[in-house]
Amino acid sequence: GFLAYRKAEIRRLAKALEQERLTGHEFHTMRKIVSRHV
């Protein structure tokens, strides 16, 4: 379950990279994912 969760988080980052522009909230969501992995 932990492995699946971490992979799902990275897939969310990949999805965000597909967007040309991000709102502050979307950007902050990306950063929270990175912070958790740090």
Full PDB file with SEQRES, HELIX, SHEET, SSBOND, CRYST1, ORIGX, SCALE, CONECT and MASTER records, all heavy atoms in Angstrom:
SEQRES   1 A   38  GLY PHE LEU ALA TYR ARG LYS ALA GLU ILE ARG ARG LEU          
SEQRES   2 A   38  ALA LYS ALA LEU GLU GLN GLU ARG LEU THR GLY HIS GLU          
SEQRES   3 A   38  PHE HIS THR MET ARG LYS ILE VAL SER ARG HIS VAL              
HELIX    1 AA1 PHE A    2  LEU A   17  1                                  16    
HELIX    2 AA2 GLY A   24  HIS A   37  1                                  14    
CRYST1    1.000    1.000    1.000  90.00  90.00  90.00 P 1           1          
ORIGX1      1.000000  0.000000  0.000000        0.00000                         
ORIGX2      0.000000  1.000000  0.000000        0.00000                         
ORIGX3      0.000000  0.000000  1.000000        0.00000                         
SCALE1      1.000000  0.000000  0.000000        0.00000                         
SCALE2      0.000000  1.000000  0.000000        0.00000                         
SCALE3      0.000000  0.000000  1.000000        0.00000                         
ATOM      1  N   GLY A   1       0.817  -1.204   0.000  1.00  0.00           N  
ATOM      2  CA  GLY A   1       0.000   0.000   0.000  1.00  0.00           C  
ATOM      3  C   GLY A   1       0.853   1.257   0.000  1.00  0.00           C  
ATOM      4  O   GLY A   1       0.541   2.238  -0.689  1.00  0.00           O  
ATOM      5  N   PHE A   2       1.928   1.232   0.755  1.00  0.00           N  
ATOM      6  CA  PHE A   2       2.834   2.385   0.826  1.00  0.00           C  
ATOM      7  C   PHE A   2       3.510   2.616  -0.521  1.00  0.00           C  
ATOM      8  O   PHE A   2       3.645   3.758  -0.980  1.00  0.00           O  
ATOM      9  CB  PHE A   2       3.865   2.146   1.928  1.00  0.00           C  
ATOM     10  CG  PHE A   2       4.824   3.284   2.157  1.00  0.00           C  
ATOM     11  CD1 PHE A   2       4.382   4.601   2.215  1.00  0.00           C  
ATOM     12  CD2 PHE A   2       6.181   3.036   2.328  1.00  0.00           C  
ATOM     13  CE1 PHE A   2       5.270   5.645   2.439  1.00  0.00           C  
ATOM     14  CE2 PHE A   2       7.075   4.079   2.551  1.00  0.00           C  
ATOM     15  CZ  PHE A   2       6.616   5.378   2.599  1.00  0.00           C  
ATOM     16  N   LEU A   3       3.934   1.525  -1.169  1.00  0.00           N  
ATOM     17  CA  LEU A   3       4.550   1.645  -2.485  1.00  0.00           C  
ATOM     18  C   LEU A   3       3.559   2.219  -3.497  1.00  0.00           C  
ATOM     19  O   LEU A   3       3.891   3.130  -4.273  1.00  0.00           O  
ATOM     20  CB  LEU A   3       5.045   0.279  -2.953  1.00  0.00           C  
ATOM     21  CG  LEU A   3       5.645   0.231  -4.364  1.00  0.00           C  
ATOM     22  CD1 LEU A   3       6.910   1.080  -4.446  1.00  0.00           C  
ATOM     23  CD2 LEU A   3       5.938  -1.204  -4.782  1.00  0.00           C  
ATOM     24  N   ALA A   4       2.338   1.709  -3.473  1.00  0.00           N  
ATOM     25  CA  ALA A   4       1.318   2.192  -4.409  1.00  0.00           C  
ATOM     26  C   ALA A   4       1.022   3.665  -4.180  1.00  0.00           C  
ATOM     27  O   ALA A   4       0.828   4.435  -5.131  1.00  0.00           O  
ATOM     28  CB  ALA A   4       0.037   1.360  -4.256  1.00  0.00           C  
ATOM     29  N   TYR A   5       1.000   4.080  -2.911  1.00  0.00           N  
ATOM     30  CA  TYR A   5       0.740   5.481  -2.592  1.00  0.00           C  
ATOM     31  C   TYR A   5       1.842   6.382  -3.139  1.00  0.00           C  
ATOM     32  O   TYR A   5       1.567   7.420  -3.752  1.00  0.00           O  
ATOM     33  CB  TYR A   5       0.621   5.666  -1.082  1.00  0.00           C  
ATOM     34  CG  TYR A   5       0.476   7.107  -0.667  1.00  0.00           C  
ATOM     35  CD1 TYR A   5      -0.733   7.776  -0.816  1.00  0.00           C  
ATOM     36  CD2 TYR A   5       1.566   7.815  -0.168  1.00  0.00           C  
ATOM     37  CE1 TYR A   5      -0.864   9.117  -0.465  1.00  0.00           C  
ATOM     38  CE2 TYR A   5       1.441   9.151   0.187  1.00  0.00           C  
ATOM     39  CZ  TYR A   5       0.227   9.790   0.042  1.00  0.00           C  
ATOM     40  OH  TYR A   5       0.101  11.120   0.374  1.00  0.00           O  
ATOM     41  N   ARG A   6       3.101   5.995  -2.942  1.00  0.00           N  
ATOM     42  CA  ARG A   6       4.209   6.822  -3.424  1.00  0.00           C  
ATOM     43  C   ARG A   6       4.190   6.935  -4.949  1.00  0.00           C  
ATOM     44  O   ARG A   6       4.425   7.996  -5.513  1.00  0.00           O  
ATOM     45  CB  ARG A   6       5.539   6.246  -2.944  1.00  0.00           C  
ATOM     46  CG  ARG A   6       5.829   6.529  -1.465  1.00  0.00           C  
ATOM     47  CD  ARG A   6       7.131   5.888  -1.035  1.00  0.00           C  
ATOM     48  NE  ARG A   6       6.994   4.451  -0.906  1.00  0.00           N  
ATOM     49  CZ  ARG A   6       7.994   3.588  -1.084  1.00  0.00           C  
ATOM     50  NH1 ARG A   6       9.191   4.024  -1.442  1.00  0.00           N  
ATOM     51  NH2 ARG A   6       7.803   2.293  -0.933  1.00  0.00           N  
ATOM     52  N   LYS A   7       3.912   5.823  -5.623  1.00  0.00           N  
ATOM     53  CA  LYS A   7       3.840   5.866  -7.089  1.00  0.00           C  
ATOM     54  C   LYS A   7       2.695   6.759  -7.557  1.00  0.00           C  
ATOM     55  O   LYS A   7       2.847   7.510  -8.537  1.00  0.00           O  
ATOM     56  CB  LYS A   7       3.677   4.455  -7.643  1.00  0.00           C  
ATOM     57  CG  LYS A   7       4.935   3.601  -7.548  1.00  0.00           C  
ATOM     58  CD  LYS A   7       4.720   2.251  -8.213  1.00  0.00           C  
ATOM     59  CE  LYS A   7       5.998   1.445  -8.243  1.00  0.00           C  
ATOM     60  NZ  LYS A   7       5.846   0.155  -8.950  1.00  0.00           N  
ATOM     61  N   ALA A   8       1.562   6.679  -6.875  1.00  0.00           N  
ATOM     62  CA  ALA A   8       0.424   7.524  -7.252  1.00  0.00           C  
ATOM     63  C   ALA A   8       0.769   8.998  -7.092  1.00  0.00           C  
ATOM     64  O   ALA A   8       0.346   9.838  -7.903  1.00  0.00           O  
ATOM     65  CB  ALA A   8      -0.795   7.171  -6.395  1.00  0.00           C  
ATOM     66  N   GLU A   9       1.547   9.340  -6.078  1.00  0.00           N  
ATOM     67  CA  GLU A   9       1.969  10.722  -5.865  1.00  0.00           C  
ATOM     68  C   GLU A   9       2.856  11.209  -7.023  1.00  0.00           C  
ATOM     69  O   GLU A   9       2.701  12.342  -7.501  1.00  0.00           O  
ATOM     70  CB  GLU A   9       2.731  10.833  -4.541  1.00  0.00           C  
ATOM     71  CG  GLU A   9       1.892  10.615  -3.295  1.00  0.00           C  
ATOM     72  CD  GLU A   9       1.262  11.889  -2.803  1.00  0.00           C  
ATOM     73  OE1 GLU A   9       0.138  12.194  -3.264  1.00  0.00           O  
ATOM     74  OE2 GLU A   9       1.889  12.556  -1.980  1.00  0.00           O  
ATOM     75  N   ILE A  10       3.776  10.365  -7.454  1.00  0.00           N  
ATOM     76  CA  ILE A  10       4.655  10.757  -8.558  1.00  0.00           C  
ATOM     77  C   ILE A  10       3.858  10.880  -9.851  1.00  0.00           C  
ATOM     78  O   ILE A  10       4.134  11.759 -10.685  1.00  0.00           O  
ATOM     79  CB  ILE A  10       5.822   9.757  -8.716  1.00  0.00           C  
ATOM     80  CG1 ILE A  10       6.664   9.717  -7.423  1.00  0.00           C  
ATOM     81  CG2 ILE A  10       6.695  10.135  -9.907  1.00  0.00           C  
ATOM     82  CD1 ILE A  10       7.267  11.054  -7.016  1.00  0.00           C  
ATOM     83  N   ARG A  11       2.859  10.033 -10.028  1.00  0.00           N  
ATOM     84  CA  ARG A  11       1.999  10.159 -11.215  1.00  0.00           C  
ATOM     85  C   ARG A  11       1.231  11.483 -11.189  1.00  0.00           C  
ATOM     86  O   ARG A  11       0.965  12.071 -12.242  1.00  0.00           O  
ATOM     87  CB  ARG A  11       1.032   8.979 -11.290  1.00  0.00           C  
ATOM     88  CG  ARG A  11       1.704   7.655 -11.651  1.00  0.00           C  
ATOM     89  CD  ARG A  11       0.690   6.562 -11.969  1.00  0.00           C  
ATOM     90  NE  ARG A  11       1.374   5.319 -12.305  1.00  0.00           N  
ATOM     91  CZ  ARG A  11       1.545   4.301 -11.471  1.00  0.00           C  
ATOM     92  NH1 ARG A  11       1.057   4.375 -10.233  1.00  0.00           N  
ATOM     93  NH2 ARG A  11       2.176   3.207 -11.851  1.00  0.00           N  
ATOM     94  N   ARG A  12       0.872  11.939  -9.998  1.00  0.00           N  
ATOM     95  CA  ARG A  12       0.213  13.250  -9.895  1.00  0.00           C  
ATOM     96  C   ARG A  12       1.155  14.368 -10.327  1.00  0.00           C  
ATOM     97  O   ARG A  12       0.737  15.341 -10.966  1.00  0.00           O  
ATOM     98  CB  ARG A  12      -0.276  13.481  -8.466  1.00  0.00           C  
ATOM     99  CG  ARG A  12      -1.451  12.609  -8.056  1.00  0.00           C  
ATOM    100  CD  ARG A  12      -1.777  12.783  -6.596  1.00  0.00           C  
ATOM    101  NE  ARG A  12      -2.323  14.103  -6.306  1.00  0.00           N  
ATOM    102  CZ  ARG A  12      -2.505  14.582  -5.083  1.00  0.00           C  
ATOM    103  NH1 ARG A  12      -2.162  13.853  -4.028  1.00  0.00           N  
ATOM    104  NH2 ARG A  12      -3.011  15.779  -4.905  1.00  0.00           N  
ATOM    105  N   LEU A  13       2.442  14.233  -9.985  1.00  0.00           N  
ATOM    106  CA  LEU A  13       3.423  15.217 -10.447  1.00  0.00           C  
ATOM    107  C   LEU A  13       3.528  15.177 -11.971  1.00  0.00           C  
ATOM    108  O   LEU A  13       3.597  16.227 -12.627  1.00  0.00           O  
ATOM    109  CB  LEU A  13       4.796  14.931  -9.828  1.00  0.00           C  
ATOM    110  CG  LEU A  13       4.980  15.192  -8.340  1.00  0.00           C  
ATOM    111  CD1 LEU A  13       6.411  14.862  -7.930  1.00  0.00           C  
ATOM    112  CD2 LEU A  13       4.650  16.639  -7.975  1.00  0.00           C  
ATOM    113  N   ALA A  14       3.540  13.966 -12.535  1.00  0.00           N  
ATOM    114  CA  ALA A  14       3.628  13.835 -13.993  1.00  0.00           C  
ATOM    115  C   ALA A  14       2.426  14.494 -14.660  1.00  0.00           C  
ATOM    116  O   ALA A  14       2.561  15.167 -15.695  1.00  0.00           O  
ATOM    117  CB  ALA A  14       3.707  12.359 -14.375  1.00  0.00           C  
ATOM    118  N   LYS A  15       1.247  14.314 -14.063  1.00  0.00           N  
ATOM    119  CA  LYS A  15       0.034  14.917 -14.622  1.00  0.00           C  
ATOM    120  C   LYS A  15       0.120  16.443 -14.571  1.00  0.00           C  
ATOM    121  O   LYS A  15      -0.280  17.137 -15.508  1.00  0.00           O  
ATOM    122  CB  LYS A  15      -1.183  14.426 -13.820  1.00  0.00           C  
ATOM    123  CG  LYS A  15      -2.521  14.764 -14.441  1.00  0.00           C  
ATOM    124  CD  LYS A  15      -2.762  13.948 -15.688  1.00  0.00           C  
ATOM    125  CE  LYS A  15      -4.156  14.202 -16.235  1.00  0.00           C  
ATOM    126  NZ  LYS A  15      -4.375  13.504 -17.529  1.00  0.00           N  
ATOM    127  N   ALA A  16       0.656  16.968 -13.472  1.00  0.00           N  
ATOM    128  CA  ALA A  16       0.779  18.424 -13.336  1.00  0.00           C  
ATOM    129  C   ALA A  16       1.722  18.994 -14.388  1.00  0.00           C  
ATOM    130  O   ALA A  16       1.514  20.110 -14.874  1.00  0.00           O  
ATOM    131  CB  ALA A  16       1.265  18.779 -11.935  1.00  0.00           C  
ATOM    132  N   LEU A  17       2.762  18.251 -14.734  1.00  0.00           N  
ATOM    133  CA  LEU A  17       3.718  18.731 -15.738  1.00  0.00           C  
ATOM    134  C   LEU A  17       3.077  18.868 -17.117  1.00  0.00           C  
ATOM    135  O   LEU A  17       3.594  19.587 -17.977  1.00  0.00           O  
ATOM    136  CB  LEU A  17       4.917  17.788 -15.836  1.00  0.00           C  
ATOM    137  CG  LEU A  17       5.891  17.782 -14.650  1.00  0.00           C  
ATOM    138  CD1 LEU A  17       7.012  16.778 -14.903  1.00  0.00           C  
ATOM    139  CD2 LEU A  17       6.469  19.169 -14.394  1.00  0.00           C  
ATOM    140  N   GLU A  18       1.975  18.158 -17.323  1.00  0.00           N  
ATOM    141  CA  GLU A  18       1.286  18.237 -18.618  1.00  0.00           C  
ATOM    142  C   GLU A  18       0.552  19.564 -18.803  1.00  0.00           C  
ATOM    143  O   GLU A  18       0.216  19.944 -19.927  1.00  0.00           O  
ATOM    144  CB  GLU A  18       0.294  17.080 -18.751  1.00  0.00           C  
ATOM    145  CG  GLU A  18       0.959  15.704 -18.801  1.00  0.00           C  
ATOM    146  CD  GLU A  18      -0.065  14.578 -18.799  1.00  0.00           C  
ATOM    147  OE1 GLU A  18      -1.287  14.884 -18.855  1.00  0.00           O  
ATOM    148  OE2 GLU A  18       0.343  13.405 -18.749  1.00  0.00           O  
ATOM    149  N   GLN A  19       0.294  20.256 -17.678  1.00  0.00           N  
ATOM    150  CA  GLN A  19      -0.396  21.537 -17.766  1.00  0.00           C  
ATOM    151  C   GLN A  19       0.598  22.645 -18.113  1.00  0.00           C  
ATOM    152  O   GLN A  19       1.718  22.686 -17.589  1.00  0.00           O  
ATOM    153  CB  GLN A  19      -1.074  21.870 -16.439  1.00  0.00           C  
ATOM    154  CG  GLN A  19      -2.121  20.853 -16.006  1.00  0.00           C  
ATOM    155  CD  GLN A  19      -2.721  21.195 -14.661  1.00  0.00           C  
ATOM    156  OE1 GLN A  19      -2.853  20.354 -13.781  1.00  0.00           O  
ATOM    157  NE2 GLN A  19      -3.103  22.455 -14.493  1.00  0.00           N  
ATOM    158  N   GLU A  20       0.175  23.540 -18.963  1.00  0.00           N  
ATOM    159  CA  GLU A  20       1.060  24.646 -19.341  1.00  0.00           C  
ATOM    160  C   GLU A  20       1.140  25.698 -18.242  1.00  0.00           C  
ATOM    161  O   GLU A  20       2.165  26.363 -18.088  1.00  0.00           O  
ATOM    162  CB  GLU A  20       0.551  25.285 -20.636  1.00  0.00           C  
ATOM    163  CG  GLU A  20       0.696  24.387 -21.859  1.00  0.00           C  
ATOM    164  CD  GLU A  20       0.307  25.105 -23.140  1.00  0.00           C  
ATOM    165  OE1 GLU A  20      -0.010  26.311 -23.063  1.00  0.00           O  
ATOM    166  OE2 GLU A  20       0.322  24.461 -24.200  1.00  0.00           O  
ATOM    167  N   ARG A  21       0.068  25.841 -17.475  1.00  0.00           N  
ATOM    168  CA  ARG A  21       0.022  26.865 -16.432  1.00  0.00           C  
ATOM    169  C   ARG A  21      -0.629  26.272 -15.190  1.00  0.00           C  
ATOM    170  O   ARG A  21      -1.519  25.427 -15.283  1.00  0.00           O  
ATOM    171  CB  ARG A  21      -0.765  28.092 -16.912  1.00  0.00           C  
ATOM    172  CG  ARG A  21      -0.222  28.689 -18.201  1.00  0.00           C  
ATOM    173  CD  ARG A  21      -1.137  29.744 -18.768  1.00  0.00           C  
ATOM    174  NE  ARG A  21      -1.101  30.979 -17.983  1.00  0.00           N  
ATOM    175  CZ  ARG A  21      -0.192  31.933 -18.151  1.00  0.00           C  
ATOM    176  NH1 ARG A  21       0.753  31.796 -19.069  1.00  0.00           N  
ATOM    177  NH2 ARG A  21      -0.212  33.025 -17.425  1.00  0.00           N  
ATOM    178  N   LEU A  22      -0.189  26.751 -14.013  1.00  0.00           N  
ATOM    179  CA  LEU A  22      -0.700  26.257 -12.735  1.00  0.00           C  
ATOM    180  C   LEU A  22      -1.148  27.419 -11.865  1.00  0.00           C  
ATOM    181  O   LEU A  22      -0.471  28.441 -11.791  1.00  0.00           O  
ATOM    182  CB  LEU A  22       0.378  25.460 -11.994  1.00  0.00           C  
ATOM    183  CG  LEU A  22       0.919  24.199 -12.672  1.00  0.00           C  
ATOM    184  CD1 LEU A  22       2.141  23.691 -11.915  1.00  0.00           C  
ATOM    185  CD2 LEU A  22      -0.144  23.117 -12.722  1.00  0.00           C  
ATOM    186  N   THR A  23      -2.277  27.247 -11.175  1.00  0.00           N  
ATOM    187  CA  THR A  23      -2.697  28.229 -10.179  1.00  0.00           C  
ATOM    188  C   THR A  23      -1.840  28.061  -8.924  1.00  0.00           C  
ATOM    189  O   THR A  23      -1.104  27.072  -8.775  1.00  0.00           O  
ATOM    190  CB  THR A  23      -4.169  28.030  -9.801  1.00  0.00           C  
ATOM    191  OG1 THR A  23      -4.312  26.754  -9.147  1.00  0.00           O  
ATOM    192  CG2 THR A  23      -5.075  28.088 -11.030  1.00  0.00           C  
ATOM    193  N   GLY A  24      -1.954  29.012  -8.013  1.00  0.00           N  
ATOM    194  CA  GLY A  24      -1.225  28.904  -6.749  1.00  0.00           C  
ATOM    195  C   GLY A  24      -1.580  27.634  -6.001  1.00  0.00           C  
ATOM    196  O   GLY A  24      -0.708  26.956  -5.438  1.00  0.00           O  
ATOM    197  N   HIS A  25      -2.859  27.268  -5.998  1.00  0.00           N  
ATOM    198  CA  HIS A  25      -3.291  26.064  -5.296  1.00  0.00           C  
ATOM    199  C   HIS A  25      -2.700  24.816  -5.945  1.00  0.00           C  
ATOM    200  O   HIS A  25      -2.225  23.904  -5.248  1.00  0.00           O  
ATOM    201  CB  HIS A  25      -4.816  25.975  -5.286  1.00  0.00           C  
ATOM    202  CG  HIS A  25      -5.342  24.709  -4.689  1.00  0.00           C  
ATOM    203  ND1 HIS A  25      -5.303  24.451  -3.331  1.00  0.00           N  
ATOM    204  CD2 HIS A  25      -5.891  23.600  -5.277  1.00  0.00           C  
ATOM    205  CE1 HIS A  25      -5.813  23.252  -3.105  1.00  0.00           C  
ATOM    206  NE2 HIS A  25      -6.170  22.727  -4.266  1.00  0.00           N  
ATOM    207  N   GLU A  26      -2.721  24.757  -7.267  1.00  0.00           N  
ATOM    208  CA  GLU A  26      -2.168  23.590  -7.970  1.00  0.00           C  
ATOM    209  C   GLU A  26      -0.668  23.479  -7.743  1.00  0.00           C  
ATOM    210  O   GLU A  26      -0.128  22.381  -7.554  1.00  0.00           O  
ATOM    211  CB  GLU A  26      -2.478  23.702  -9.463  1.00  0.00           C  
ATOM    212  CG  GLU A  26      -3.946  23.517  -9.799  1.00  0.00           C  
ATOM    213  CD  GLU A  26      -4.293  23.952 -11.218  1.00  0.00           C  
ATOM    214  OE1 GLU A  26      -3.530  24.762 -11.796  1.00  0.00           O  
ATOM    215  OE2 GLU A  26      -5.325  23.475 -11.739  1.00  0.00           O  
ATOM    216  N   PHE A  27       0.005  24.611  -7.740  1.00  0.00           N  
ATOM    217  CA  PHE A  27       1.449  24.628  -7.482  1.00  0.00           C  
ATOM    218  C   PHE A  27       1.745  24.148  -6.066  1.00  0.00           C  
ATOM    219  O   PHE A  27       2.657  23.346  -5.838  1.00  0.00           O  
ATOM    220  CB  PHE A  27       1.979  26.046  -7.692  1.00  0.00           C  
ATOM    221  CG  PHE A  27       3.465  26.184  -7.512  1.00  0.00           C  
ATOM    222  CD1 PHE A  27       4.334  25.939  -8.566  1.00  0.00           C  
ATOM    223  CD2 PHE A  27       3.997  26.567  -6.292  1.00  0.00           C  
ATOM    224  CE1 PHE A  27       5.708  26.069  -8.403  1.00  0.00           C  
ATOM    225  CE2 PHE A  27       5.364  26.704  -6.114  1.00  0.00           C  
ATOM    226  CZ  PHE A  27       6.223  26.454  -7.187  1.00  0.00           C  
ATOM    227  N   HIS A  28       0.953  24.628  -5.099  1.00  0.00           N  
ATOM    228  CA  HIS A  28       1.155  24.245  -3.701  1.00  0.00           C  
ATOM    229  C   HIS A  28       0.896  22.753  -3.501  1.00  0.00           C  
ATOM    230  O   HIS A  28       1.590  22.098  -2.708  1.00  0.00           O  
ATOM    231  CB  HIS A  28       0.233  25.070  -2.809  1.00  0.00           C  
ATOM    232  CG  HIS A  28       0.513  24.909  -1.352  1.00  0.00           C  
ATOM    233  ND1 HIS A  28       1.769  25.041  -0.806  1.00  0.00           N  
ATOM    234  CD2 HIS A  28      -0.312  24.616  -0.305  1.00  0.00           C  
ATOM    235  CE1 HIS A  28       1.715  24.851   0.506  1.00  0.00           C  
ATOM    236  NE2 HIS A  28       0.471  24.577   0.830  1.00  0.00           N  
ATOM    237  N   THR A  29      -0.072  22.201  -4.217  1.00  0.00           N  
ATOM    238  CA  THR A  29      -0.346  20.765  -4.145  1.00  0.00           C  
ATOM    239  C   THR A  29       0.867  19.967  -4.631  1.00  0.00           C  
ATOM    240  O   THR A  29       1.244  18.955  -4.027  1.00  0.00           O  
ATOM    241  CB  THR A  29      -1.580  20.410  -4.991  1.00  0.00           C  
ATOM    242  OG1 THR A  29      -2.721  21.080  -4.445  1.00  0.00           O  
ATOM    243  CG2 THR A  29      -1.836  18.908  -5.002  1.00  0.00           C  
ATOM    244  N   MET A  30       1.481  20.428  -5.719  1.00  0.00           N  
ATOM    245  CA  MET A  30       2.707  19.784  -6.196  1.00  0.00           C  
ATOM    246  C   MET A  30       3.797  19.831  -5.134  1.00  0.00           C  
ATOM    247  O   MET A  30       4.482  18.830  -4.878  1.00  0.00           O  
ATOM    248  CB  MET A  30       3.220  20.495  -7.447  1.00  0.00           C  
ATOM    249  CG  MET A  30       2.554  20.143  -8.741  1.00  0.00           C  
ATOM    250  SD  MET A  30       3.402  20.939 -10.148  1.00  0.00           S  
ATOM    251  CE  MET A  30       4.928  19.980 -10.237  1.00  0.00           C  
ATOM    252  N   ARG A  31       3.946  20.995  -4.509  1.00  0.00           N  
ATOM    253  CA  ARG A  31       5.014  21.122  -3.526  1.00  0.00           C  
ATOM    254  C   ARG A  31       4.781  20.216  -2.316  1.00  0.00           C  
ATOM    255  O   ARG A  31       5.726  19.654  -1.758  1.00  0.00           O  
ATOM    256  CB  ARG A  31       5.147  22.573  -3.062  1.00  0.00           C  
ATOM    257  CG  ARG A  31       6.459  22.755  -2.285  1.00  0.00           C  
ATOM    258  CD  ARG A  31       6.479  23.912  -1.361  1.00  0.00           C  
ATOM    259  NE  ARG A  31       7.711  23.890  -0.575  1.00  0.00           N  
ATOM    260  CZ  ARG A  31       7.911  24.600   0.508  1.00  0.00           C  
ATOM    261  NH1 ARG A  31       6.965  25.410   0.941  1.00  0.00           N  
ATOM    262  NH2 ARG A  31       9.041  24.515   1.187  1.00  0.00           N  
ATOM    263  N   LYS A  32       3.540  20.039  -1.907  1.00  0.00           N  
ATOM    264  CA  LYS A  32       3.252  19.164  -0.771  1.00  0.00           C  
ATOM    265  C   LYS A  32       3.658  17.726  -1.080  1.00  0.00           C  
ATOM    266  O   LYS A  32       4.148  17.008  -0.202  1.00  0.00           O  
ATOM    267  CB  LYS A  32       1.777  19.251  -0.390  1.00  0.00           C  
ATOM    268  CG  LYS A  32       1.410  20.543   0.333  1.00  0.00           C  
ATOM    269  CD  LYS A  32       0.037  20.492   0.963  1.00  0.00           C  
ATOM    270  CE  LYS A  32      -1.063  20.512  -0.067  1.00  0.00           C  
ATOM    271  NZ  LYS A  32      -2.406  20.620   0.558  1.00  0.00           N  
ATOM    272  N   ILE A  33       3.454  17.298  -2.327  1.00  0.00           N  
ATOM    273  CA  ILE A  33       3.878  15.957  -2.720  1.00  0.00           C  
ATOM    274  C   ILE A  33       5.388  15.836  -2.588  1.00  0.00           C  
ATOM    275  O   ILE A  33       5.915  14.870  -2.012  1.00  0.00           O  
ATOM    276  CB  ILE A  33       3.425  15.652  -4.163  1.00  0.00           C  
ATOM    277  CG1 ILE A  33       1.901  15.544  -4.237  1.00  0.00           C  
ATOM    278  CG2 ILE A  33       4.078  14.361  -4.679  1.00  0.00           C  
ATOM    279  CD1 ILE A  33       1.352  15.460  -5.651  1.00  0.00           C  
ATOM    280  N   VAL A  34       6.103  16.813  -3.124  1.00  0.00           N  
ATOM    281  CA  VAL A  34       7.567  16.807  -3.047  1.00  0.00           C  
ATOM    282  C   VAL A  34       8.022  16.828  -1.584  1.00  0.00           C  
ATOM    283  O   VAL A  34       8.920  16.071  -1.189  1.00  0.00           O  
ATOM    284  CB  VAL A  34       8.155  18.006  -3.817  1.00  0.00           C  
ATOM    285  CG1 VAL A  34       9.663  18.130  -3.570  1.00  0.00           C  
ATOM    286  CG2 VAL A  34       7.869  17.872  -5.312  1.00  0.00           C  
ATOM    287  N   SER A  35       7.383  17.653  -0.771  1.00  0.00           N  
ATOM    288  CA  SER A  35       7.768  17.766   0.647  1.00  0.00           C  
ATOM    289  C   SER A  35       7.582  16.445   1.382  1.00  0.00           C  
ATOM    290  O   SER A  35       8.408  16.080   2.233  1.00  0.00           O  
ATOM    291  CB  SER A  35       6.941  18.854   1.330  1.00  0.00           C  
ATOM    292  OG  SER A  35       7.207  20.119   0.780  1.00  0.00           O  
ATOM    293  N   ARG A  36       6.508  15.735   1.074  1.00  0.00           N  
ATOM    294  CA  ARG A  36       6.289  14.438   1.720  1.00  0.00           C  
ATOM    295  C   ARG A  36       7.399  13.455   1.357  1.00  0.00           C  
ATOM    296  O   ARG A  36       7.890  12.716   2.220  1.00  0.00           O  
ATOM    297  CB  ARG A  36       4.925  13.873   1.329  1.00  0.00           C  
ATOM    298  CG  ARG A  36       3.767  14.539   2.025  1.00  0.00           C  
ATOM    299  CD  ARG A  36       2.479  13.770   1.855  1.00  0.00           C  
ATOM    300  NE  ARG A  36       1.879  13.916   0.544  1.00  0.00           N  
ATOM    301  CZ  ARG A  36       0.976  14.840   0.225  1.00  0.00           C  
ATOM    302  NH1 ARG A  36       0.596  15.727   1.130  1.00  0.00           N  
ATOM    303  NH2 ARG A  36       0.455  14.886  -0.984  1.00  0.00           N  
ATOM    304  N   HIS A  37       7.811  13.460   0.092  1.00  0.00           N  
ATOM    305  CA  HIS A  37       8.877  12.552  -0.321  1.00  0.00           C  
ATOM    306  C   HIS A  37      10.219  12.964   0.278  1.00  0.00           C  
ATOM    307  O   HIS A  37      11.031  12.099   0.637  1.00  0.00           O  
ATOM    308  CB  HIS A  37       8.936  12.496  -1.848  1.00  0.00           C  
ATOM    309  CG  HIS A  37       7.872  11.632  -2.453  1.00  0.00           C  
ATOM    310  ND1 HIS A  37       8.111  10.366  -2.930  1.00  0.00           N  
ATOM    311  CD2 HIS A  37       6.543  11.836  -2.615  1.00  0.00           C  
ATOM    312  CE1 HIS A  37       6.995   9.841  -3.379  1.00  0.00           C  
ATOM    313  NE2 HIS A  37       6.016  10.710  -3.193  1.00  0.00           N  
ATOM    314  N   VAL A  38      10.466  14.264   0.384  1.00  0.00           N  
ATOM    315  CA  VAL A  38      11.681  14.724   1.074  1.00  0.00           C  
ATOM    316  C   VAL A  38      11.697  14.188   2.501  1.00  0.00           C  
ATOM    317  O   VAL A  38      12.713  13.663   2.976  1.00  0.00           O  
ATOM    318  CB  VAL A  38      11.762  16.266   1.111  1.00  0.00           C  
ATOM    319  CG1 VAL A  38      12.958  16.707   1.951  1.00  0.00           C  
ATOM    320  CG2 VAL A  38      11.888  16.853  -0.283  1.00  0.00           C  
TER     321      VAL A  38                                                      
MASTER        0    0    0    2    0    0    0    6  320    1    0    3          
END                                                                             
